[in-house]
N, C-alpha and C. Protein backbone atom coordinates (compact mmCIF):
# COMPACT_ATOMS: atom_id res chain seq x y z
N UNK A 1 50.88 32.24 -71.62
CA UNK A 1 51.85 33.69 -71.26
C UNK A 1 52.37 33.44 -69.83
N UNK A 2 53.39 33.96 -69.64
CA UNK A 2 53.47 34.05 -67.86
C UNK A 2 54.19 35.65 -67.59
N UNK A 3 53.75 35.60 -66.34
CA UNK A 3 53.28 37.19 -65.99
C UNK A 3 54.32 37.38 -64.35
N UNK A 4 54.32 38.02 -64.15
CA UNK A 4 55.55 38.47 -62.67
C UNK A 4 54.68 38.72 -62.09
N UNK A 5 53.83 39.12 -61.15
CA UNK A 5 53.20 40.30 -60.29
C UNK A 5 54.28 40.72 -59.46
N UNK A 6 54.05 41.74 -59.07
CA UNK A 6 55.12 41.97 -57.77
C UNK A 6 53.71 43.24 -57.32
N UNK A 7 53.59 43.28 -55.71
CA UNK A 7 52.70 44.69 -55.34
C UNK A 7 53.40 45.39 -55.19
N UNK A 8 52.87 46.71 -55.60
CA UNK A 8 53.88 47.88 -55.47
C UNK A 8 52.94 49.35 -54.44
N UNK A 9 53.68 50.08 -54.10
CA UNK A 9 53.13 51.40 -53.47
C UNK A 9 53.48 52.28 -55.04
N UNK A 10 55.68 51.59 -55.40
CA UNK A 10 54.54 52.79 -56.81
C UNK A 10 55.20 52.04 -57.76
N UNK A 11 55.45 52.12 -59.08
CA UNK A 11 56.64 52.27 -60.36
C UNK A 11 56.59 52.55 -61.81
N UNK A 12 57.03 52.80 -61.82
CA UNK A 12 57.39 53.62 -63.46
C UNK A 12 58.40 52.72 -64.23
N UNK A 13 58.36 53.32 -65.69
CA UNK A 13 58.68 52.45 -66.65
C UNK A 13 59.32 53.82 -67.62
N UNK A 14 61.01 54.10 -68.06
CA UNK A 14 61.67 54.75 -69.21
C UNK A 14 62.12 54.60 -70.15
N UNK A 15 61.59 55.08 -71.05
CA UNK A 15 62.30 54.62 -72.55
C UNK A 15 63.75 56.47 -72.47
N UNK A 16 64.81 55.95 -72.52
CA UNK A 16 65.72 56.94 -73.10
C UNK A 16 64.66 58.16 -71.97
N UNK A 17 65.44 57.57 -70.43
CA UNK A 17 65.13 59.06 -70.39
C UNK A 17 63.72 59.59 -69.84
N UNK A 18 62.73 59.23 -70.75
CA UNK A 18 61.42 59.60 -70.39
C UNK A 18 60.81 59.11 -69.99
N UNK A 19 59.82 58.94 -68.80
CA UNK A 19 58.82 58.08 -68.42
C UNK A 19 58.19 58.22 -69.15
N UNK A 20 57.59 56.73 -70.11
CA UNK A 20 56.44 56.44 -70.84
C UNK A 20 55.05 55.41 -70.04
N UNK A 21 55.60 55.57 -68.28
CA UNK A 21 54.28 55.11 -67.80
C UNK A 21 54.56 54.81 -66.17
N UNK A 22 53.60 55.31 -65.89
CA UNK A 22 53.94 55.19 -64.57
C UNK A 22 52.40 54.89 -63.60
N UNK A 23 52.13 54.49 -62.42
CA UNK A 23 51.49 54.14 -60.92
C UNK A 23 52.21 54.10 -59.82
N UNK A 24 51.34 54.60 -59.01
CA UNK A 24 50.92 54.40 -57.61
C UNK A 24 50.63 52.58 -57.20
N UNK A 25 49.54 53.06 -55.95
CA UNK A 25 49.58 51.44 -55.22
C UNK A 25 49.00 49.99 -56.66
N UNK A 26 49.36 49.38 -56.73
CA UNK A 26 48.82 48.63 -57.61
C UNK A 26 49.86 47.34 -57.97
N UNK A 27 50.26 46.85 -59.18
CA UNK A 27 50.60 45.75 -59.63
C UNK A 27 51.66 45.65 -60.73
N UNK A 28 52.31 45.90 -60.95
CA UNK A 28 53.81 45.53 -61.72
C UNK A 28 53.79 44.50 -61.92
N UNK A 29 53.20 44.44 -63.74
CA UNK A 29 53.38 42.36 -64.41
C UNK A 29 54.09 42.71 -65.26
N UNK A 30 55.10 42.03 -65.42
CA UNK A 30 56.31 41.50 -66.31
C UNK A 30 55.47 40.29 -66.60
N UNK A 31 55.41 40.84 -68.93
CA UNK A 31 54.90 39.83 -69.51
C UNK A 31 55.61 38.92 -70.08
N UNK A 32 55.91 37.87 -70.78
CA UNK A 32 55.49 37.00 -71.34
C UNK A 32 55.60 36.10 -72.51
N UNK A 33 55.31 36.18 -73.70
CA UNK A 33 54.37 35.20 -74.57
C UNK A 33 55.29 34.31 -75.35
N UNK A 34 54.80 32.94 -74.91
CA UNK A 34 55.26 31.85 -76.20
C UNK A 34 54.87 31.29 -77.05
N UNK A 35 55.17 30.56 -78.14
CA UNK A 35 54.79 30.56 -78.79
C UNK A 35 52.85 29.21 -79.31
N UNK A 36 52.19 29.55 -78.34
CA UNK A 36 51.71 29.13 -78.49
C UNK A 36 50.09 29.52 -78.02
N UNK A 37 50.75 30.83 -77.37
CA UNK A 37 49.58 31.31 -76.51
C UNK A 37 48.69 31.90 -77.59
N UNK A 38 47.69 32.16 -77.39
CA UNK A 38 46.84 33.20 -78.17
C UNK A 38 45.22 33.99 -77.22
N UNK A 39 44.70 34.79 -78.15
CA UNK A 39 43.98 35.29 -77.24
C UNK A 39 43.54 35.02 -76.38
N UNK A 40 43.14 34.15 -76.31
CA UNK A 40 42.36 33.31 -74.88
C UNK A 40 42.73 33.31 -73.92
N UNK A 41 44.82 33.73 -74.17
CA UNK A 41 45.18 33.34 -72.84
C UNK A 41 45.61 34.68 -71.81
N UNK A 42 45.25 35.30 -72.67
CA UNK A 42 45.73 36.87 -72.51
C UNK A 42 44.73 37.41 -72.29
N UNK A 43 43.33 37.21 -72.44
CA UNK A 43 41.71 37.36 -71.29
C UNK A 43 41.71 37.09 -70.31
N UNK A 44 42.38 35.63 -70.27
CA UNK A 44 42.15 35.35 -68.68
C UNK A 44 43.11 35.21 -67.52
N UNK A 45 44.13 35.49 -68.00
CA UNK A 45 45.14 35.22 -67.37
C UNK A 45 44.63 37.52 -66.73
N UNK A 46 44.30 38.58 -67.68
CA UNK A 46 43.98 39.73 -67.30
C UNK A 46 42.72 39.82 -65.99
N UNK A 47 42.17 38.37 -66.69
CA UNK A 47 40.78 38.24 -65.85
C UNK A 47 40.84 37.95 -64.09
N UNK A 48 42.24 37.29 -64.57
CA UNK A 48 42.97 36.46 -63.13
C UNK A 48 43.87 37.60 -62.16
N UNK A 49 44.33 38.53 -62.99
CA UNK A 49 44.99 40.08 -62.08
C UNK A 49 44.67 40.07 -61.63
N UNK A 50 43.17 40.91 -61.97
CA UNK A 50 42.56 41.73 -61.83
C UNK A 50 41.40 41.34 -60.79
N UNK A 51 41.44 40.02 -60.13
CA UNK A 51 40.50 39.51 -59.03
C UNK A 51 41.90 38.77 -58.02
N UNK A 52 43.13 38.63 -58.56
CA UNK A 52 43.89 37.75 -57.23
C UNK A 52 43.18 39.05 -55.80
N UNK A 53 43.41 37.64 -54.51
CA UNK A 53 43.01 38.83 -53.77
C UNK A 53 44.49 39.49 -53.04
N UNK A 54 45.43 40.14 -53.18
CA UNK A 54 46.82 39.74 -53.14
C UNK A 54 46.94 41.62 -51.95
N UNK A 55 45.82 42.45 -51.89
CA UNK A 55 45.56 43.25 -50.68
C UNK A 55 44.63 43.48 -49.93
N UNK A 56 45.60 43.64 -48.50
CA UNK A 56 45.08 43.96 -47.32
C UNK A 56 43.37 44.18 -46.79
N UNK A 57 42.03 43.21 -46.20
CA UNK A 57 41.52 43.88 -45.33
C UNK A 57 41.72 44.41 -44.17
N UNK A 58 40.60 45.09 -43.97
CA UNK A 58 40.63 45.90 -42.71
C UNK A 58 40.67 45.35 -41.85
N UNK A 59 41.40 43.44 -41.37
CA UNK A 59 41.61 42.41 -41.14
C UNK A 59 43.39 42.44 -41.05
N UNK A 60 43.95 43.00 -42.13
CA UNK A 60 45.07 43.06 -42.43
C UNK A 60 45.57 41.89 -43.01
N UNK A 61 44.26 40.43 -43.54
CA UNK A 61 44.57 40.16 -43.99
C UNK A 61 44.48 40.27 -45.50
N UNK A 62 45.16 38.82 -46.72
CA UNK A 62 45.01 39.34 -48.02
C UNK A 62 43.76 39.04 -49.18
N UNK A 63 42.34 39.44 -48.69
CA UNK A 63 40.82 39.55 -49.15
C UNK A 63 41.11 40.44 -50.23
N UNK A 64 41.41 41.67 -50.31
CA UNK A 64 40.71 42.56 -51.87
C UNK A 64 41.71 41.95 -53.30
N UNK A 65 41.26 42.03 -53.83
CA UNK A 65 41.55 42.67 -55.13
C UNK A 65 42.55 43.94 -55.55
N UNK A 66 42.41 44.20 -57.00
CA UNK A 66 43.26 45.35 -57.41
C UNK A 66 41.70 45.89 -57.77
N UNK A 67 40.78 45.43 -57.92
CA UNK A 67 39.97 45.76 -57.96
C UNK A 67 39.25 47.05 -57.40
N UNK A 68 38.73 45.37 -56.17
CA UNK A 68 38.09 46.27 -55.20
C UNK A 68 38.96 47.46 -54.00
N UNK A 69 40.17 47.49 -53.95
CA UNK A 69 41.18 47.59 -54.65
C UNK A 69 41.62 49.27 -53.95
N UNK A 70 41.21 49.62 -55.62
CA UNK A 70 41.39 50.52 -56.29
C UNK A 70 42.75 50.87 -56.81
N UNK A 71 43.30 49.69 -57.40
CA UNK A 71 44.80 49.91 -57.63
C UNK A 71 44.96 50.11 -58.86
N UNK A 72 46.01 50.37 -59.40
CA UNK A 72 46.96 50.36 -60.44
C UNK A 72 46.72 49.57 -61.61
N UNK A 73 47.45 48.67 -62.52
CA UNK A 73 48.53 48.07 -62.89
C UNK A 73 49.27 49.22 -63.90
N UNK A 74 50.94 48.76 -64.19
CA UNK A 74 51.91 48.87 -65.06
C UNK A 74 52.13 47.71 -66.18
N UNK A 75 52.44 47.23 -67.30
CA UNK A 75 52.34 46.38 -67.65
C UNK A 75 54.19 46.57 -68.36
N UNK A 76 55.03 45.34 -68.47
CA UNK A 76 55.97 45.90 -69.35
C UNK A 76 56.30 44.43 -70.02
N UNK A 77 56.53 44.48 -71.21
CA UNK A 77 56.44 43.24 -71.86
C UNK A 77 57.99 43.14 -70.69
N UNK A 78 58.34 40.87 -70.92
CA UNK A 78 59.65 40.37 -71.18
C UNK A 78 60.03 39.47 -71.01
N UNK A 79 60.28 39.57 -72.65
CA UNK A 79 60.38 38.20 -72.90
C UNK A 79 60.95 37.00 -73.01
N UNK A 80 62.37 38.07 -72.16
CA UNK A 80 63.08 36.47 -71.06
C UNK A 80 62.22 36.46 -70.04
N UNK A 81 61.10 36.33 -69.92
CA UNK A 81 60.64 35.32 -68.89
C UNK A 81 60.32 34.28 -69.28
N UNK A 82 60.87 34.11 -70.68
CA UNK A 82 60.72 32.64 -71.27
C UNK A 82 62.50 31.85 -71.69
N UNK A 83 63.21 33.02 -71.66
CA UNK A 83 64.31 32.23 -71.19
C UNK A 83 64.85 30.85 -70.09
N UNK A 84 65.71 29.49 -70.86
CA UNK A 84 65.86 28.78 -70.65
C UNK A 84 67.55 28.84 -70.42
N UNK A 85 67.54 29.01 -68.95
CA UNK A 85 68.90 28.85 -68.80
C UNK A 85 69.48 27.04 -68.62
N UNK A 86 69.06 26.08 -68.47
CA UNK A 86 69.60 25.14 -68.17
C UNK A 86 70.66 24.07 -69.26
N UNK A 87 71.21 24.36 -69.87
CA UNK A 87 72.36 23.82 -70.57
C UNK A 87 73.56 25.48 -70.91
N UNK A 88 74.30 25.32 -70.70
CA UNK A 88 76.12 26.67 -70.57
C UNK A 88 75.52 27.52 -70.29
N UNK A 89 76.12 28.55 -70.34
CA UNK A 89 76.07 29.91 -69.92
C UNK A 89 75.34 31.24 -70.63
N UNK A 90 74.41 30.62 -71.41
CA UNK A 90 74.15 31.50 -72.20
C UNK A 90 72.35 31.10 -73.01
N UNK A 91 71.59 32.07 -72.11
CA UNK A 91 70.38 31.66 -71.80
C UNK A 91 69.81 31.14 -73.67
N UNK A 92 68.60 30.26 -73.76
CA UNK A 92 67.88 30.30 -74.86
C UNK A 92 66.53 30.91 -74.59
N UNK A 93 66.93 31.71 -75.79
CA UNK A 93 65.19 32.31 -75.60
C UNK A 93 63.80 31.85 -77.32
N UNK A 94 64.39 30.39 -77.36
CA UNK A 94 63.48 30.05 -78.14
C UNK A 94 62.46 29.70 -78.08
N UNK A 95 61.71 29.75 -76.97
CA UNK A 95 60.69 29.01 -76.24
C UNK A 95 59.41 30.69 -76.16
N UNK A 96 60.43 32.27 -76.31
CA UNK A 96 59.77 33.17 -76.50
C UNK A 96 59.08 33.75 -77.83
N UNK A 97 57.80 34.07 -77.59
CA UNK A 97 57.28 33.84 -79.03
C UNK A 97 58.21 35.59 -80.24
N UNK A 98 57.73 35.29 -81.54
CA UNK A 98 58.25 36.03 -82.17
C UNK A 98 57.97 37.76 -81.96
N UNK A 99 58.34 38.17 -82.08
CA UNK A 99 58.21 39.95 -81.57
C UNK A 99 56.89 40.22 -82.54
N UNK A 100 56.28 39.99 -83.87
CA UNK A 100 54.56 40.04 -84.36
C UNK A 100 53.94 40.04 -83.12
N UNK A 101 54.07 38.31 -83.08
CA UNK A 101 53.14 38.13 -82.51
C UNK A 101 52.92 38.05 -80.45
N UNK A 102 54.39 38.36 -80.55
CA UNK A 102 54.28 38.58 -79.08
C UNK A 102 53.86 40.08 -79.03
N UNK A 103 53.56 41.02 -79.89
CA UNK A 103 53.42 42.61 -79.34
C UNK A 103 51.97 42.71 -79.64
N UNK A 104 51.42 41.97 -80.25
CA UNK A 104 49.94 41.72 -80.78
C UNK A 104 48.81 40.90 -79.48
N UNK A 105 50.16 39.98 -79.07
CA UNK A 105 49.43 39.32 -77.62
C UNK A 105 49.73 40.44 -76.55
N UNK A 106 50.37 40.87 -76.35
CA UNK A 106 50.59 42.14 -75.53
C UNK A 106 49.82 42.82 -75.38
N UNK A 107 49.42 43.74 -76.92
CA UNK A 107 48.50 44.83 -77.04
C UNK A 107 47.17 44.29 -76.22
N UNK A 108 46.94 42.53 -76.61
CA UNK A 108 45.32 42.18 -76.28
C UNK A 108 45.25 42.05 -74.72
N UNK A 109 46.26 42.17 -73.63
CA UNK A 109 46.51 41.48 -72.66
C UNK A 109 45.66 43.00 -71.89
N UNK A 110 46.96 44.22 -72.22
CA UNK A 110 46.53 46.06 -71.97
C UNK A 110 45.74 45.95 -71.94
N UNK A 111 44.56 45.60 -73.66
CA UNK A 111 43.55 46.13 -73.66
C UNK A 111 42.46 45.31 -72.35
N UNK A 112 43.01 43.89 -72.68
CA UNK A 112 41.53 43.40 -71.87
C UNK A 112 41.76 43.20 -70.30
N UNK A 113 43.04 44.23 -69.42
CA UNK A 113 43.60 44.99 -68.12
C UNK A 113 41.68 45.91 -68.61
N UNK A 114 42.07 46.75 -69.43
CA UNK A 114 42.03 48.21 -69.74
C UNK A 114 40.00 48.20 -69.40
N UNK A 115 39.77 46.77 -70.37
CA UNK A 115 38.46 46.73 -70.05
C UNK A 115 37.71 46.27 -69.08
N UNK A 116 38.80 45.77 -68.07
CA UNK A 116 38.10 45.13 -66.79
C UNK A 116 38.12 46.67 -65.79
N UNK A 117 39.03 47.43 -66.27
CA UNK A 117 38.37 48.56 -65.67
C UNK A 117 39.49 49.32 -64.27
N UNK A 118 40.51 48.75 -64.37
CA UNK A 118 41.53 49.36 -63.51
C UNK A 118 42.39 50.61 -64.22
N UNK A 119 43.25 51.53 -63.61
CA UNK A 119 44.16 52.18 -64.50
C UNK A 119 44.93 51.17 -64.88
N UNK A 120 45.42 51.87 -66.67
CA UNK A 120 46.60 50.62 -66.37
C UNK A 120 47.69 52.08 -67.36
N UNK A 121 48.85 51.26 -67.60
CA UNK A 121 49.82 52.07 -68.15
C UNK A 121 50.75 50.69 -68.33
N UNK A 122 51.59 51.57 -69.35
CA UNK A 122 52.72 50.02 -69.94
C UNK A 122 53.65 50.85 -70.27
N UNK A 123 55.01 49.95 -70.81
CA UNK A 123 55.43 49.97 -71.15
C UNK A 123 56.12 50.20 -72.76
N UNK A 124 56.87 50.49 -73.44
CA UNK A 124 57.08 50.54 -75.08
C UNK A 124 57.56 48.69 -75.78
N UNK A 125 56.79 48.08 -76.58
CA UNK A 125 57.35 47.16 -76.54
C UNK A 125 58.53 46.98 -77.71
N UNK A 126 59.42 46.22 -77.66
CA UNK A 126 61.10 45.81 -77.73
C UNK A 126 61.79 47.39 -77.58
N UNK A 127 61.93 47.84 -77.00
CA UNK A 127 62.16 49.31 -75.92
C UNK A 127 63.16 48.72 -74.64
N UNK A 128 64.77 49.01 -74.81
CA UNK A 128 64.99 49.33 -73.41
C UNK A 128 64.68 50.00 -72.67
N UNK A 129 64.39 49.23 -71.87
CA UNK A 129 63.20 50.06 -70.84
C UNK A 129 63.82 50.25 -69.16
N UNK A 130 63.99 51.10 -68.22
CA UNK A 130 64.46 51.47 -67.17
C UNK A 130 63.63 50.62 -66.01
N UNK A 131 62.98 50.15 -65.76
CA UNK A 131 61.92 50.36 -64.19
C UNK A 131 62.34 50.22 -62.84
N UNK A 132 61.68 51.01 -62.23
CA UNK A 132 61.64 51.15 -61.32
C UNK A 132 60.27 51.16 -60.69
N UNK A 133 60.80 50.51 -59.66
CA UNK A 133 59.61 49.84 -58.43
C UNK A 133 59.61 50.38 -56.91
N UNK A 134 58.70 50.04 -56.08
CA UNK A 134 58.71 50.23 -54.65
C UNK A 134 57.49 48.69 -54.22
N UNK A 135 58.16 47.66 -54.39
CA UNK A 135 58.03 45.98 -54.11
C UNK A 135 57.39 46.19 -52.53
N UNK A 136 55.82 46.32 -52.33
CA UNK A 136 55.12 46.18 -51.27
C UNK A 136 54.88 44.92 -50.85
N UNK A 137 55.33 44.43 -49.79
CA UNK A 137 55.62 43.40 -48.88
C UNK A 137 56.24 42.31 -48.57
N UNK A 138 57.61 41.59 -49.23
CA UNK A 138 57.56 42.12 -50.92
C UNK A 138 56.49 40.67 -51.01
N UNK A 139 55.42 41.29 -51.99
CA UNK A 139 54.14 40.00 -52.64
C UNK A 139 54.11 40.00 -54.47
N UNK A 140 54.99 38.97 -54.21
CA UNK A 140 55.69 38.75 -55.83
C UNK A 140 54.86 37.68 -56.32
N UNK A 141 54.26 36.94 -56.83
CA UNK A 141 53.60 35.94 -57.30
C UNK A 141 53.85 35.62 -58.56
N UNK A 142 54.50 34.25 -59.51
CA UNK A 142 54.52 33.82 -60.54
C UNK A 142 53.09 33.26 -61.62
N UNK A 143 52.24 33.56 -62.84
CA UNK A 143 50.99 33.07 -62.94
C UNK A 143 52.04 32.58 -64.40
N UNK A 144 51.25 31.32 -64.48
CA UNK A 144 51.44 31.05 -65.97
C UNK A 144 50.08 30.33 -67.08
N UNK A 145 49.67 30.42 -67.32
CA UNK A 145 48.50 31.01 -68.34
C UNK A 145 48.05 29.10 -67.85
N UNK A 146 46.58 28.18 -67.83
CA UNK A 146 46.22 27.09 -68.56
C UNK A 146 46.66 26.69 -69.84
N UNK A 147 47.75 25.03 -70.14
CA UNK A 147 47.98 24.51 -71.49
C UNK A 147 46.43 24.73 -72.16
N UNK A 148 46.53 24.86 -73.44
CA UNK A 148 45.24 24.41 -74.68
C UNK A 148 45.10 22.98 -74.33
């Protein structure tokens, strides 16, 4: 699995002009799933993200996790994170998981986040979405799950 994590002051996702998910301060997580991912990767990634220390403490140091800071999470599926642009001009998406598997693991990831405690919102899997965000910092990280 691959996640792009952006620390935000607010973010929302809309489908057909209707907001389906919105958060205040927290993380916008763009999530991609590849062929050999499994439930263990979804749980590992959820635990990793909620415990990343990317929020400032009283001294201005990045010492607080999302859980410690009371932040929220907005998750948006994004198969294009596995796009390969090394050849030609059109990206190849063969590394992205098939939709059925990707949806299952996307939902497992969202459920794993919810089980860890923060407020979680999400987009609509396979929908054309409009994402709005105010990047805070900016703080942006890319996380890949470890190989099995």
